[in-house]
Amino acid sequence: MYRIKDRKFIGIRIRDRRRQLGWTQEKLAEAIGVTYQQLQRYEGGKGHLNTDRLQALSNALDIPISFFFEEKTEDRIKVKESERYISPEERDFVECLREIDNEEYKKSIKVFMQLAAGRKKKV
């Protein structure tokens, strides 16, 4: 059953995305035209968010508005042991990689990824 999201839930989603981007509260507050104290209230679930402010947050954080209402689910893949999840672009890349039938192409892509990451392992 669908559960109505409260201000605290939405505030946590805002804070998580801001941290994921490596932004300070000051930077995000400036991007949406509020003080960092007001942003603190939003993130703490104490400030009321109207639709205009949700749209501004959505634009600044480069996410759809639905992000604020989505539950974190287990279908996301953790990268190594960090708390970072793969982005939609990364997920698309993995899906495309899985569709490649030619093993030589896959091997070439793996070598490229290792070089891009600064690794010198043999494939």
PDB file of N, CA and C in Angstrom:
ATOM      1  N   MET A   1       0.841  -1.191   0.000  1.00  0.00           N
ATOM      2  CA  MET A   1       0.000   0.000   0.000  1.00  0.00           C
ATOM      3  C   MET A   1       0.881   1.247   0.000  1.00  0.00           C
ATOM      4  N   TYR A   2       0.472   2.261  -0.715  1.00  0.00           N
ATOM      5  CA  TYR A   2       1.221   3.508  -0.813  1.00  0.00           C
ATOM      6  C   TYR A   2       1.129   4.270   0.496  1.00  0.00           C
ATOM      7  N   ARG A   3       2.250   4.764   0.971  1.00  0.00           N
ATOM      8  CA  ARG A   3       2.320   5.509   2.215  1.00  0.00           C
ATOM      9  C   ARG A   3       2.613   6.973   1.903  1.00  0.00           C
ATOM     10  N   ILE A   4       1.871   7.878   2.511  1.00  0.00           N
ATOM     11  CA  ILE A   4       2.111   9.305   2.333  1.00  0.00           C
ATOM     12  C   ILE A   4       3.465   9.632   2.970  1.00  0.00           C
ATOM     13  N   LYS A   5       4.292  10.376   2.245  1.00  0.00           N
ATOM     14  CA  LYS A   5       5.611  10.744   2.740  1.00  0.00           C
ATOM     15  C   LYS A   5       5.502  12.026   3.552  1.00  0.00           C
ATOM     16  N   ASP A   6       6.107  12.022   4.713  1.00  0.00           N
ATOM     17  CA  ASP A   6       6.073  13.213   5.548  1.00  0.00           C
ATOM     18  C   ASP A   6       7.278  14.112   5.262  1.00  0.00           C
ATOM     19  N   ARG A   7       7.296  15.275   5.902  1.00  0.00           N
ATOM     20  CA  ARG A   7       8.366  16.242   5.671  1.00  0.00           C
ATOM     21  C   ARG A   7       9.737  15.674   6.030  1.00  0.00           C
ATOM     22  N   LYS A   8       9.793  14.882   7.084  1.00  0.00           N
ATOM     23  CA  LYS A   8      11.070  14.323   7.514  1.00  0.00           C
ATOM     24  C   LYS A   8      11.636  13.380   6.449  1.00  0.00           C
ATOM     25  N   PHE A   9      10.778  12.540   5.871  1.00  0.00           N
ATOM     26  CA  PHE A   9      11.208  11.614   4.817  1.00  0.00           C
ATOM     27  C   PHE A   9      11.764  12.396   3.627  1.00  0.00           C
ATOM     28  N   ILE A  10      11.036  13.409   3.194  1.00  0.00           N
ATOM     29  CA  ILE A  10      11.473  14.220   2.051  1.00  0.00           C
ATOM     30  C   ILE A  10      12.770  14.954   2.392  1.00  0.00           C
ATOM     31  N   GLY A  11      12.888  15.451   3.620  1.00  0.00           N
ATOM     32  CA  GLY A  11      14.107  16.126   4.049  1.00  0.00           C
ATOM     33  C   GLY A  11      15.320  15.215   4.001  1.00  0.00           C
ATOM     34  N   ILE A  12      15.139  13.975   4.392  1.00  0.00           N
ATOM     35  CA  ILE A  12      16.238  12.999   4.338  1.00  0.00           C
ATOM     36  C   ILE A  12      16.654  12.758   2.894  1.00  0.00           C
ATOM     37  N   ARG A  13      15.683  12.678   2.002  1.00  0.00           N
ATOM     38  CA  ARG A  13      15.996  12.476   0.583  1.00  0.00           C
ATOM     39  C   ARG A  13      16.778  13.672   0.027  1.00  0.00           C
ATOM     40  N   ILE A  14      16.398  14.884   0.428  1.00  0.00           N
ATOM     41  CA  ILE A  14      17.115  16.087  -0.012  1.00  0.00           C
ATOM     42  C   ILE A  14      18.556  16.033   0.492  1.00  0.00           C
ATOM     43  N   ARG A  15      18.709  15.772   1.795  1.00  0.00           N
ATOM     44  CA  ARG A  15      20.052  15.723   2.384  1.00  0.00           C
ATOM     45  C   ARG A  15      20.923  14.643   1.730  1.00  0.00           C
ATOM     46  N   ASP A  16      20.352  13.459   1.511  1.00  0.00           N
ATOM     47  CA  ASP A  16      21.123  12.368   0.903  1.00  0.00           C
ATOM     48  C   ASP A  16      21.617  12.748  -0.487  1.00  0.00           C
ATOM     49  N   ARG A  17      20.750  13.343  -1.293  1.00  0.00           N
ATOM     50  CA  ARG A  17      21.141  13.722  -2.652  1.00  0.00           C
ATOM     51  C   ARG A  17      22.183  14.843  -2.625  1.00  0.00           C
ATOM     52  N   ARG A  18      21.985  15.811  -1.725  1.00  0.00           N
ATOM     53  CA  ARG A  18      22.957  16.903  -1.610  1.00  0.00           C
ATOM     54  C   ARG A  18      24.335  16.344  -1.252  1.00  0.00           C
ATOM     55  N   ARG A  19      24.377  15.447  -0.306  1.00  0.00           N
ATOM     56  CA  ARG A  19      25.650  14.846   0.098  1.00  0.00           C
ATOM     57  C   ARG A  19      26.243  13.997  -1.022  1.00  0.00           C
ATOM     58  N   GLN A  20      25.384  13.297  -1.746  1.00  0.00           N
ATOM     59  CA  GLN A  20      25.853  12.480  -2.867  1.00  0.00           C
ATOM     60  C   GLN A  20      26.577  13.353  -3.892  1.00  0.00           C
ATOM     61  N   LEU A  21      26.084  14.566  -4.080  1.00  0.00           N
ATOM     62  CA  LEU A  21      26.708  15.503  -5.018  1.00  0.00           C
ATOM     63  C   LEU A  21      27.914  16.219  -4.412  1.00  0.00           C
ATOM     64  N   GLY A  22      28.107  16.077  -3.109  1.00  0.00           N
ATOM     65  CA  GLY A  22      29.223  16.743  -2.446  1.00  0.00           C
ATOM     66  C   GLY A  22      28.985  18.228  -2.223  1.00  0.00           C
ATOM     67  N   TRP A  23      27.732  18.622  -2.144  1.00  0.00           N
ATOM     68  CA  TRP A  23      27.376  20.021  -1.977  1.00  0.00           C
ATOM     69  C   TRP A  23      27.216  20.366  -0.499  1.00  0.00           C
ATOM     70  N   THR A  24      27.522  21.603  -0.159  1.00  0.00           N
ATOM     71  CA  THR A  24      27.250  22.112   1.184  1.00  0.00           C
ATOM     72  C   THR A  24      25.802  22.599   1.219  1.00  0.00           C
ATOM     73  N   GLN A  25      25.309  22.805   2.444  1.00  0.00           N
ATOM     74  CA  GLN A  25      23.968  23.377   2.561  1.00  0.00           C
ATOM     75  C   GLN A  25      23.945  24.782   1.970  1.00  0.00           C
ATOM     76  N   GLU A  26      25.023  25.518   2.133  1.00  0.00           N
ATOM     77  CA  GLU A  26      25.083  26.870   1.601  1.00  0.00           C
ATOM     78  C   GLU A  26      24.958  26.878   0.078  1.00  0.00           C
ATOM     79  N   LYS A  27      25.656  25.944  -0.569  1.00  0.00           N
ATOM     80  CA  LYS A  27      25.623  25.895  -2.033  1.00  0.00           C
ATOM     81  C   LYS A  27      24.216  25.565  -2.542  1.00  0.00           C
ATOM     82  N   LEU A  28      23.585  24.568  -1.949  1.00  0.00           N
ATOM     83  CA  LEU A  28      22.238  24.199  -2.385  1.00  0.00           C
ATOM     84  C   LEU A  28      21.244  25.315  -2.067  1.00  0.00           C
ATOM     85  N   ALA A  29      21.366  25.900  -0.886  1.00  0.00           N
ATOM     86  CA  ALA A  29      20.457  26.983  -0.506  1.00  0.00           C
ATOM     87  C   ALA A  29      20.536  28.133  -1.512  1.00  0.00           C
ATOM     88  N   GLU A  30      21.762  28.476  -1.892  1.00  0.00           N
ATOM     89  CA  GLU A  30      21.938  29.547  -2.876  1.00  0.00           C
ATOM     90  C   GLU A  30      21.312  29.165  -4.215  1.00  0.00           C
ATOM     91  N   ALA A  31      21.459  27.902  -4.600  1.00  0.00           N
ATOM     92  CA  ALA A  31      20.931  27.448  -5.886  1.00  0.00           C
ATOM     93  C   ALA A  31      19.409  27.514  -5.945  1.00  0.00           C
ATOM     94  N   ILE A  32      18.758  27.372  -4.788  1.00  0.00           N
ATOM     95  CA  ILE A  32      17.285  27.400  -4.795  1.00  0.00           C
ATOM     96  C   ILE A  32      16.715  28.699  -4.240  1.00  0.00           C
ATOM     97  N   GLY A  33      17.601  29.631  -3.866  1.00  0.00           N
ATOM     98  CA  GLY A  33      17.143  30.954  -3.439  1.00  0.00           C
ATOM     99  C   GLY A  33      16.614  31.049  -2.027  1.00  0.00           C
ATOM    100  N   VAL A  34      17.188  30.277  -1.102  1.00  0.00           N
ATOM    101  CA  VAL A  34      16.817  30.378   0.315  1.00  0.00           C
ATOM    102  C   VAL A  34      18.087  30.476   1.149  1.00  0.00           C
ATOM    103  N   THR A  35      17.930  30.744   2.431  1.00  0.00           N
ATOM    104  CA  THR A  35      19.088  30.758   3.323  1.00  0.00           C
ATOM    105  C   THR A  35      19.448  29.324   3.693  1.00  0.00           C
ATOM    106  N   TYR A  36      20.680  29.132   4.154  1.00  0.00           N
ATOM    107  CA  TYR A  36      21.062  27.771   4.535  1.00  0.00           C
ATOM    108  C   TYR A  36      20.274  27.332   5.771  1.00  0.00           C
ATOM    109  N   GLN A  37      19.838  28.295   6.605  1.00  0.00           N
ATOM    110  CA  GLN A  37      19.015  27.935   7.766  1.00  0.00           C
ATOM    111  C   GLN A  37      17.671  27.359   7.318  1.00  0.00           C
ATOM    112  N   GLN A  38      17.103  27.950   6.257  1.00  0.00           N
ATOM    113  CA  GLN A  38      15.838  27.429   5.740  1.00  0.00           C
ATOM    114  C   GLN A  38      16.049  26.039   5.171  1.00  0.00           C
ATOM    115  N   LEU A  39      17.152  25.834   4.461  1.00  0.00           N
ATOM    116  CA  LEU A  39      17.452  24.505   3.928  1.00  0.00           C
ATOM    117  C   LEU A  39      17.620  23.504   5.068  1.00  0.00           C
ATOM    118  N   GLN A  40      18.239  23.933   6.169  1.00  0.00           N
ATOM    119  CA  GLN A  40      18.356  23.051   7.335  1.00  0.00           C
ATOM    120  C   GLN A  40      16.978  22.627   7.831  1.00  0.00           C
ATOM    121  N   ARG A  41      16.034  23.559   7.832  1.00  0.00           N
ATOM    122  CA  ARG A  41      14.669  23.225   8.258  1.00  0.00           C
ATOM    123  C   ARG A  41      14.032  22.216   7.296  1.00  0.00           C
ATOM    124  N   TYR A  42      14.249  22.405   5.994  1.00  0.00           N
ATOM    125  CA  TYR A  42      13.725  21.444   5.020  1.00  0.00           C
ATOM    126  C   TYR A  42      14.313  20.057   5.261  1.00  0.00           C
ATOM    127  N   GLU A  43      15.646  20.006   5.411  1.00  0.00           N
ATOM    128  CA  GLU A  43      16.307  18.721   5.592  1.00  0.00           C
ATOM    129  C   GLU A  43      15.922  18.055   6.911  1.00  0.00           C
ATOM    130  N   GLY A  44      15.618  18.855   7.918  1.00  0.00           N
ATOM    131  CA  GLY A  44      15.220  18.307   9.211  1.00  0.00           C
ATOM    132  C   GLY A  44      13.739  17.988   9.312  1.00  0.00           C
ATOM    133  N   GLY A  45      12.988  18.280   8.246  1.00  0.00           N
ATOM    134  CA  GLY A  45      11.555  17.990   8.256  1.00  0.00           C
ATOM    135  C   GLY A  45      10.737  19.010   9.007  1.00  0.00           C
ATOM    136  N   LYS A  46      11.318  20.150   9.295  1.00  0.00           N
ATOM    137  CA  LYS A  46      10.604  21.172  10.048  1.00  0.00           C
ATOM    138  C   LYS A  46      10.043  22.281   9.164  1.00  0.00           C
ATOM    139  N   GLY A  47      10.543  22.403   7.960  1.00  0.00           N
ATOM    140  CA  GLY A  47      10.083  23.449   7.053  1.00  0.00           C
ATOM    141  C   GLY A  47       9.106  22.891   6.024  1.00  0.00           C
ATOM    142  N   HIS A  48       8.102  23.689   5.713  1.00  0.00           N
ATOM    143  CA  HIS A  48       7.105  23.289   4.710  1.00  0.00           C
ATOM    144  C   HIS A  48       7.649  23.561   3.309  1.00  0.00           C
ATOM    145  N   LEU A  49       7.558  22.566   2.442  1.00  0.00           N
ATOM    146  CA  LEU A  49       8.013  22.703   1.051  1.00  0.00           C
ATOM    147  C   LEU A  49       6.794  22.853   0.144  1.00  0.00           C
ATOM    148  N   ASN A  50       6.723  23.969  -0.579  1.00  0.00           N
ATOM    149  CA  ASN A  50       5.635  24.105  -1.545  1.00  0.00           C
ATOM    150  C   ASN A  50       6.095  23.553  -2.903  1.00  0.00           C
ATOM    151  N   THR A  51       5.213  23.535  -3.860  1.00  0.00           N
ATOM    152  CA  THR A  51       5.534  22.935  -5.163  1.00  0.00           C
ATOM    153  C   THR A  51       6.638  23.706  -5.889  1.00  0.00           C
ATOM    154  N   ASP A  52       6.661  25.024  -5.753  1.00  0.00           N
ATOM    155  CA  ASP A  52       7.719  25.804  -6.395  1.00  0.00           C
ATOM    156  C   ASP A  52       9.086  25.418  -5.858  1.00  0.00           C
ATOM    157  N   ARG A  53       9.174  25.262  -4.534  1.00  0.00           N
ATOM    158  CA  ARG A  53      10.454  24.918  -3.915  1.00  0.00           C
ATOM    159  C   ARG A  53      10.860  23.486  -4.278  1.00  0.00           C
ATOM    160  N   LEU A  54       9.895  22.578  -4.358  1.00  0.00           N
ATOM    161  CA  LEU A  54      10.218  21.204  -4.784  1.00  0.00           C
ATOM    162  C   LEU A  54      10.774  21.196  -6.201  1.00  0.00           C
ATOM    163  N   GLN A  55      10.193  22.004  -7.071  1.00  0.00           N
ATOM    164  CA  GLN A  55      10.695  22.084  -8.443  1.00  0.00           C
ATOM    165  C   GLN A  55      12.101  22.666  -8.475  1.00  0.00           C
ATOM    166  N   ALA A  56      12.338  23.690  -7.662  1.00  0.00           N
ATOM    167  CA  ALA A  56      13.678  24.287  -7.607  1.00  0.00           C
ATOM    168  C   ALA A  56      14.699  23.276  -7.098  1.00  0.00           C
ATOM    169  N   LEU A  57      14.332  22.515  -6.079  1.00  0.00           N
ATOM    170  CA  LEU A  57      15.223  21.475  -5.559  1.00  0.00           C
ATOM    171  C   LEU A  57      15.477  20.396  -6.603  1.00  0.00           C
ATOM    172  N   SER A  58      14.421  19.996  -7.277  1.00  0.00           N
ATOM    173  CA  SER A  58      14.537  18.985  -8.324  1.00  0.00           C
ATOM    174  C   SER A  58      15.512  19.434  -9.408  1.00  0.00           C
ATOM    175  N   ASN A  59      15.382  20.670  -9.841  1.00  0.00           N
ATOM    176  CA  ASN A  59      16.273  21.210 -10.875  1.00  0.00           C
ATOM    177  C   ASN A  59      17.710  21.321 -10.372  1.00  0.00           C
ATOM    178  N   ALA A  60      17.877  21.862  -9.184  1.00  0.00           N
ATOM    179  CA  ALA A  60      19.221  22.074  -8.646  1.00  0.00           C
ATOM    180  C   ALA A  60      19.947  20.752  -8.404  1.00  0.00           C
ATOM    181  N   LEU A  61      19.212  19.756  -7.927  1.00  0.00           N
ATOM    182  CA  LEU A  61      19.816  18.458  -7.612  1.00  0.00           C
ATOM    183  C   LEU A  61      19.829  17.504  -8.806  1.00  0.00           C
ATOM    184  N   ASP A  62      19.260  17.968  -9.924  1.00  0.00           N
ATOM    185  CA  ASP A  62      19.227  17.189 -11.168  1.00  0.00           C
ATOM    186  C   ASP A  62      18.578  15.825 -10.972  1.00  0.00           C
ATOM    187  N   ILE A  63      17.385  15.858 -10.402  1.00  0.00           N
ATOM    188  CA  ILE A  63      16.613  14.640 -10.155  1.00  0.00           C
ATOM    189  C   ILE A  63      15.146  14.918 -10.469  1.00  0.00           C
ATOM    190  N   PRO A  64      14.371  13.883 -10.771  1.00  0.00           N
ATOM    191  CA  PRO A  64      12.933  14.108 -10.960  1.00  0.00           C
ATOM    192  C   PRO A  64      12.261  14.355  -9.604  1.00  0.00           C
ATOM    193  N   ILE A  65      11.159  15.049  -9.610  1.00  0.00           N
ATOM    194  CA  ILE A  65      10.438  15.324  -8.362  1.00  0.00           C
ATOM    195  C   ILE A  65      10.052  14.028  -7.664  1.00  0.00           C
ATOM    196  N   SER A  66       9.783  13.001  -8.421  1.00  0.00           N
ATOM    197  CA  SER A  66       9.387  11.720  -7.819  1.00  0.00           C
ATOM    198  C   SER A  66      10.464  11.164  -6.890  1.00  0.00           C
ATOM    199  N   PHE A  67      11.729  11.576  -7.085  1.00  0.00           N
ATOM    200  CA  PHE A  67      12.829  11.121  -6.229  1.00  0.00           C
ATOM    201  C   PHE A  67      12.536  11.388  -4.756  1.00  0.00           C
ATOM    202  N   PHE A  68      11.895  12.532  -4.459  1.00  0.00           N
ATOM    203  CA  PHE A  68      11.626  12.903  -3.073  1.00  0.00           C
ATOM    204  C   PHE A  68      10.627  11.972  -2.394  1.00  0.00           C
ATOM    205  N   PHE A  69       9.880  11.214  -3.184  1.00  0.00           N
ATOM    206  CA  PHE A  69       8.828  10.370  -2.624  1.00  0.00           C
ATOM    207  C   PHE A  69       9.118   8.881  -2.733  1.00  0.00           C
ATOM    208  N   GLU A  70      10.227   8.529  -3.388  1.00  0.00           N
ATOM    209  CA  GLU A  70      10.561   7.118  -3.596  1.00  0.00           C
ATOM    210  C   GLU A  70      11.235   6.528  -2.372  1.00  0.00           C
ATOM    211  N   GLU A  71      10.838   5.317  -2.047  1.00  0.00           N
ATOM    212  CA  GLU A  71      11.509   4.573  -0.989  1.00  0.00           C
ATOM    213  C   GLU A  71      12.817   4.044  -1.549  1.00  0.00           C
ATOM    214  N   LYS A  72      13.849   3.975  -0.727  1.00  0.00           N
ATOM    215  CA  LYS A  72      15.077   3.313  -1.152  1.00  0.00           C
ATOM    216  C   LYS A  72      14.752   1.829  -1.229  1.00  0.00           C
ATOM    217  N   THR A  73      15.108   1.220  -2.338  1.00  0.00           N
ATOM    218  CA  THR A  73      14.771  -0.180  -2.517  1.00  0.00           C
ATOM    219  C   THR A  73      16.020  -1.024  -2.660  1.00  0.00           C
ATOM    220  N   GLU A  74      15.842  -2.302  -2.519  1.00  0.00           N
ATOM    221  CA  GLU A  74      16.960  -3.238  -2.621  1.00  0.00           C
ATOM    222  C   GLU A  74      17.346  -3.531  -4.065  1.00  0.00           C
ATOM    223  N   ASP A  75      16.607  -2.990  -5.054  1.00  0.00           N
ATOM    224  CA  ASP A  75      16.973  -3.254  -6.442  1.00  0.00           C
ATOM    225  C   ASP A  75      18.156  -2.401  -6.885  1.00  0.00           C
ATOM    226  N   ARG A  76      18.578  -1.484  -6.041  1.00  0.00           N
ATOM    227  CA  ARG A  76      19.772  -0.722  -6.342  1.00  0.00           C
ATOM    228  C   ARG A  76      20.984  -1.569  -5.991  1.00  0.00           C
ATOM    229  N   ILE A  77      22.029  -1.375  -6.731  1.00  0.00           N
ATOM    230  CA  ILE A  77      23.223  -2.178  -6.559  1.00  0.00           C
ATOM    231  C   ILE A  77      24.272  -1.360  -5.832  1.00  0.00           C
ATOM    232  N   LYS A  78      24.794  -1.890  -4.742  1.00  0.00           N
ATOM    233  CA  LYS A  78      25.860  -1.197  -4.029  1.00  0.00           C
ATOM    234  C   LYS A  78      27.159  -1.378  -4.787  1.00  0.00           C
ATOM    235  N   VAL A  79      27.952  -0.331  -4.830  1.00  0.00           N
ATOM    236  CA  VAL A  79      29.248  -0.380  -5.477  1.00  0.00           C
ATOM    237  C   VAL A  79      30.284  -0.669  -4.397  1.00  0.00           C
ATOM    238  N   LYS A  80      30.914  -1.817  -4.500  1.00  0.00           N
ATOM    239  CA  LYS A  80      31.885  -2.279  -3.501  1.00  0.00           C
ATOM    240  C   LYS A  80      31.249  -2.203  -2.125  1.00  0.00           C
ATOM    241  N   GLU A  81      31.964  -1.713  -1.154  1.00  0.00           N
ATOM    242  CA  GLU A  81      31.441  -1.638   0.205  1.00  0.00           C
ATOM    243  C   GLU A  81      30.954  -0.245   0.588  1.00  0.00           C
ATOM    244  N   SER A  82      30.972   0.663  -0.386  1.00  0.00           N
ATOM    245  CA  SER A  82      30.551   2.031  -0.074  1.00  0.00           C
ATOM    246  C   SER A  82      29.030   2.117  -0.038  1.00  0.00           C
ATOM    247  N   GLU A  83      28.537   3.249   0.377  1.00  0.00           N
ATOM    248  CA  GLU A  83      27.098   3.480   0.409  1.00  0.00           C
ATOM    249  C   GLU A  83      26.606   4.102  -0.894  1.00  0.00           C
ATOM    250  N   ARG A  84      27.496   4.227  -1.874  1.00  0.00           N
ATOM    251  CA  ARG A  84      27.148   4.855  -3.139  1.00  0.00           C
ATOM    252  C   ARG A  84      26.404   3.862  -4.027  1.00  0.00           C
ATOM    253  N   TYR A  85      25.363   4.303  -4.682  1.00  0.00           N
ATOM    254  CA  TYR A  85      24.594   3.472  -5.594  1.00  0.00           C
ATOM    255  C   TYR A  85      24.907   3.885  -7.022  1.00  0.00           C
ATOM    256  N   ILE A  86      24.693   2.974  -7.960  1.00  0.00           N
ATOM    257  CA  ILE A  86      24.976   3.326  -9.347  1.00  0.00           C
ATOM    258  C   ILE A  86      23.887   4.255  -9.872  1.00  0.00           C
ATOM    259  N   SER A  87      24.286   5.112 -10.775  1.00  0.00           N
ATOM    260  CA  SER A  87      23.359   6.066 -11.373  1.00  0.00           C
ATOM    261  C   SER A  87      22.588   5.381 -12.493  1.00  0.00           C
ATOM    262  N   PRO A  88      21.529   6.013 -12.979  1.00  0.00           N
ATOM    263  CA  PRO A  88      20.808   5.448 -14.114  1.00  0.00           C
ATOM    264  C   PRO A  88      21.702   5.258 -15.338  1.00  0.00           C
ATOM    265  N   GLU A  89      22.644   6.193 -15.567  1.00  0.00           N
ATOM    266  CA  GLU A  89      23.560   6.067 -16.703  1.00  0.00           C
ATOM    267  C   GLU A  89      24.471   4.857 -16.529  1.00  0.00           C
ATOM    268  N   GLU A  90      24.948   4.647 -15.309  1.00  0.00           N
ATOM    269  CA  GLU A  90      25.803   3.493 -15.043  1.00  0.00           C
ATOM    270  C   GLU A  90      25.028   2.191 -15.224  1.00  0.00           C
ATOM    271  N   ARG A  91      23.781   2.203 -14.796  1.00  0.00           N
ATOM    272  CA  ARG A  91      22.935   1.009 -14.956  1.00  0.00           C
ATOM    273  C   ARG A  91      22.719   0.724 -16.448  1.00  0.00           C
ATOM    274  N   ASP A  92      22.475   1.782 -17.239  1.00  0.00           N
ATOM    275  CA  ASP A  92      22.315   1.610 -18.687  1.00  0.00           C
ATOM    276  C   ASP A  92      23.579   1.016 -19.295  1.00  0.00           C
ATOM    277  N   PHE A  93      24.740   1.507 -18.855  1.00  0.00           N
ATOM    278  CA  PHE A  93      26.010   0.997 -19.364  1.00  0.00           C
ATOM    279  C   PHE A  93      26.138  -0.496 -19.073  1.00  0.00           C
ATOM    280  N   VAL A  94      25.827  -0.895 -17.857  1.00  0.00           N
ATOM    281  CA  VAL A  94      25.929  -2.310 -17.477  1.00  0.00           C
ATOM    282  C   VAL A  94      24.980  -3.157 -18.329  1.00  0.00           C
ATOM    283  N   GLU A  95      23.769  -2.655 -18.536  1.00  0.00           N
ATOM    284  CA  GLU A  95      22.809  -3.408 -19.352  1.00  0.00           C
ATOM    285  C   GLU A  95      23.301  -3.545 -20.792  1.00  0.00           C
ATOM    286  N   CYS A  96      23.868  -2.485 -21.349  1.00  0.00           N
ATOM    287  CA  CYS A  96      24.427  -2.552 -22.708  1.00  0.00           C
ATOM    288  C   CYS A  96      25.593  -3.531 -22.765  1.00  0.00           C
ATOM    289  N   LEU A  97      26.445  -3.484 -21.759  1.00  0.00           N
ATOM    290  CA  LEU A  97      27.590  -4.389 -21.708  1.00  0.00           C
ATOM    291  C   LEU A  97      27.133  -5.844 -21.690  1.00  0.00           C
ATOM    292  N   ARG A  98      26.075  -6.124 -20.960  1.00  0.00           N
ATOM    293  CA  ARG A  98      25.549  -7.496 -20.882  1.00  0.00           C
ATOM    294  C   ARG A  98      25.000  -7.986 -22.214  1.00  0.00           C
ATOM    295  N   GLU A  99      24.561  -7.058 -23.051  1.00  0.00           N
ATOM    296  CA  GLU A  99      23.981  -7.437 -24.341  1.00  0.00           C
ATOM    297  C   GLU A  99      25.025  -7.711 -25.418  1.00  0.00           C
ATOM    298  N   ILE A 100      26.278  -7.369 -25.167  1.00  0.00           N
ATOM    299  CA  ILE A 100      27.330  -7.597 -26.160  1.00  0.00           C
ATOM    300  C   ILE A 100      27.676  -9.072 -26.190  1.00  0.00           C
ATOM    301  N   ASP A 101      27.528  -9.678 -27.372  1.00  0.00           N
ATOM    302  CA  ASP A 101      27.811 -11.103 -27.523  1.00  0.00           C
ATOM    303  C   ASP A 101      29.272 -11.382 -27.856  1.00  0.00           C
ATOM    304  N   ASN A 102      29.918 -10.434 -28.481  1.00  0.00           N
ATOM    305  CA  ASN A 102      31.289 -10.622 -28.935  1.00  0.00           C
ATOM    306  C   ASN A 102      32.264 -10.486 -27.756  1.00  0.00           C
ATOM    307  N   GLU A 103      32.939 -11.570 -27.403  1.00  0.00           N
ATOM    308  CA  GLU A 103      33.852 -11.580 -26.257  1.00  0.00           C
ATOM    309  C   GLU A 103      35.052 -10.653 -26.466  1.00  0.00           C
ATOM    310  N   GLU A 104      35.500 -10.499 -27.707  1.00  0.00           N
ATOM    311  CA  GLU A 104      36.619  -9.592 -27.977  1.00  0.00           C
ATOM    312  C   GLU A 104      36.226  -8.144 -27.690  1.00  0.00           C
ATOM    313  N   TYR A 105      34.998  -7.780 -28.040  1.00  0.00           N
ATOM    314  CA  TYR A 105      34.513  -6.434 -27.737  1.00  0.00           C
ATOM    315  C   TYR A 105      34.464  -6.220 -26.225  1.00  0.00           C
ATOM    316  N   LYS A 106      33.925  -7.204 -25.515  1.00  0.00           N
ATOM    317  CA  LYS A 106      33.844  -7.103 -24.058  1.00  0.00           C
ATOM    318  C   LYS A 106      35.234  -6.956 -23.447  1.00  0.00           C
ATOM    319  N   LYS A 107      36.175  -7.745 -23.954  1.00  0.00           N
ATOM    320  CA  LYS A 107      37.540  -7.692 -23.439  1.00  0.00           C
ATOM    321  C   LYS A 107      38.137  -6.305 -23.673  1.00  0.00           C
ATOM    322  N   SER A 108      37.899  -5.739 -24.856  1.00  0.00           N
ATOM    323  CA  SER A 108      38.403  -4.399 -25.170  1.00  0.00           C
ATOM    324  C   SER A 108      37.807  -3.349 -24.228  1.00  0.00           C
ATOM    325  N   ILE A 109      36.535  -3.474 -23.954  1.00  0.00           N
ATOM    326  CA  ILE A 109      35.873  -2.530 -23.050  1.00  0.00           C
ATOM    327  C   ILE A 109      36.448  -2.653 -21.643  1.00  0.00           C
ATOM    328  N   LYS A 110      36.698  -3.870 -21.193  1.00  0.00           N
ATOM    329  CA  LYS A 110      37.282  -4.074 -19.862  1.00  0.00           C
ATOM    330  C   LYS A 110      38.681  -3.459 -19.779  1.00  0.00           C
ATOM    331  N   VAL A 111      39.481  -3.632 -20.827  1.00  0.00           N
ATOM    332  CA  VAL A 111      40.825  -3.039 -20.848  1.00  0.00           C
ATOM    333  C   VAL A 111      40.709  -1.519 -20.781  1.00  0.00           C
ATOM    334  N   PHE A 112      39.798  -0.948 -21.556  1.00  0.00           N
ATOM    335  CA  PHE A 112      39.587   0.494 -21.533  1.00  0.00           C
ATOM    336  C   PHE A 112      39.192   0.976 -20.137  1.00  0.00           C
ATOM    337  N   MET A 113      38.282   0.267 -19.485  1.00  0.00           N
ATOM    338  CA  MET A 113      37.839   0.662 -18.145  1.00  0.00           C
ATOM    339  C   MET A 113      38.996   0.600 -17.150  1.00  0.00           C
ATOM    340  N   GLN A 114      39.836  -0.411 -17.261  1.00  0.00           N
ATOM    341  CA  GLN A 114      40.985  -0.523 -16.376  1.00  0.00           C
ATOM    342  C   GLN A 114      41.966   0.622 -16.611  1.00  0.00           C
ATOM    343  N   LEU A 115      42.203   0.955 -17.869  1.00  0.00           N
ATOM    344  CA  LEU A 115      43.099   2.068 -18.177  1.00  0.00           C
ATOM    345  C   LEU A 115      42.516   3.385 -17.663  1.00  0.00           C
ATOM    346  N   ALA A 116      41.221   3.557 -17.831  1.00  0.00           N
ATOM    347  CA  ALA A 116      40.566   4.771 -17.367  1.00  0.00           C
ATOM    348  C   ALA A 116      40.643   4.894 -15.851  1.00  0.00           C
ATOM    349  N   ALA A 117      40.626   3.768 -15.164  1.00  0.00           N
ATOM    350  CA  ALA A 117      40.693   3.773 -13.711  1.00  0.00           C
ATOM    351  C   ALA A 117      42.131   3.806 -13.198  1.00  0.00           C
ATOM    352  N   GLY A 118      43.096   3.776 -14.126  1.00  0.00           N
ATOM    353  CA  GLY A 118      44.487   3.826 -13.723  1.00  0.00           C
ATOM    354  C   GLY A 118      45.046   2.494 -13.259  1.00  0.00           C
ATOM    355  N   ARG A 119      44.380   1.427 -13.607  1.00  0.00           N
ATOM    356  CA  ARG A 119      44.831   0.098 -13.209  1.00  0.00           C
ATOM    357  C   ARG A 119      45.686  -0.497 -14.303  1.00  0.00           C
ATOM    358  N   LYS A 120      46.519  -1.437 -13.930  1.00  0.00           N
ATOM    359  CA  LYS A 120      47.379  -2.082 -14.924  1.00  0.00           C
ATOM    360  C   LYS A 120      47.279  -3.599 -14.807  1.00  0.00           C
ATOM    361  N   LYS A 121      46.074  -4.078 -14.544  1.00  0.00           N
ATOM    362  CA  LYS A 121      45.853  -5.520 -14.440  1.00  0.00           C
ATOM    363  C   LYS A 121      45.712  -6.113 -15.830  1.00  0.00           C
ATOM    364  N   LYS A 122      46.009  -7.390 -15.944  1.00  0.00           N
ATOM    365  CA  LYS A 122      45.748  -8.094 -17.188  1.00  0.00           C
ATOM    366  C   LYS A 122      44.359  -8.654 -17.148  1.00  0.00           C
ATOM    367  N   VAL A 123      43.720  -8.674 -18.303  1.00  0.00           N
ATOM    368  CA  VAL A 123      42.343  -9.172 -18.387  1.00  0.00           C
ATOM    369  C   VAL A 123      42.375 -10.652 -18.709  1.00  0.00           C
TER     370      VAL A 123
END
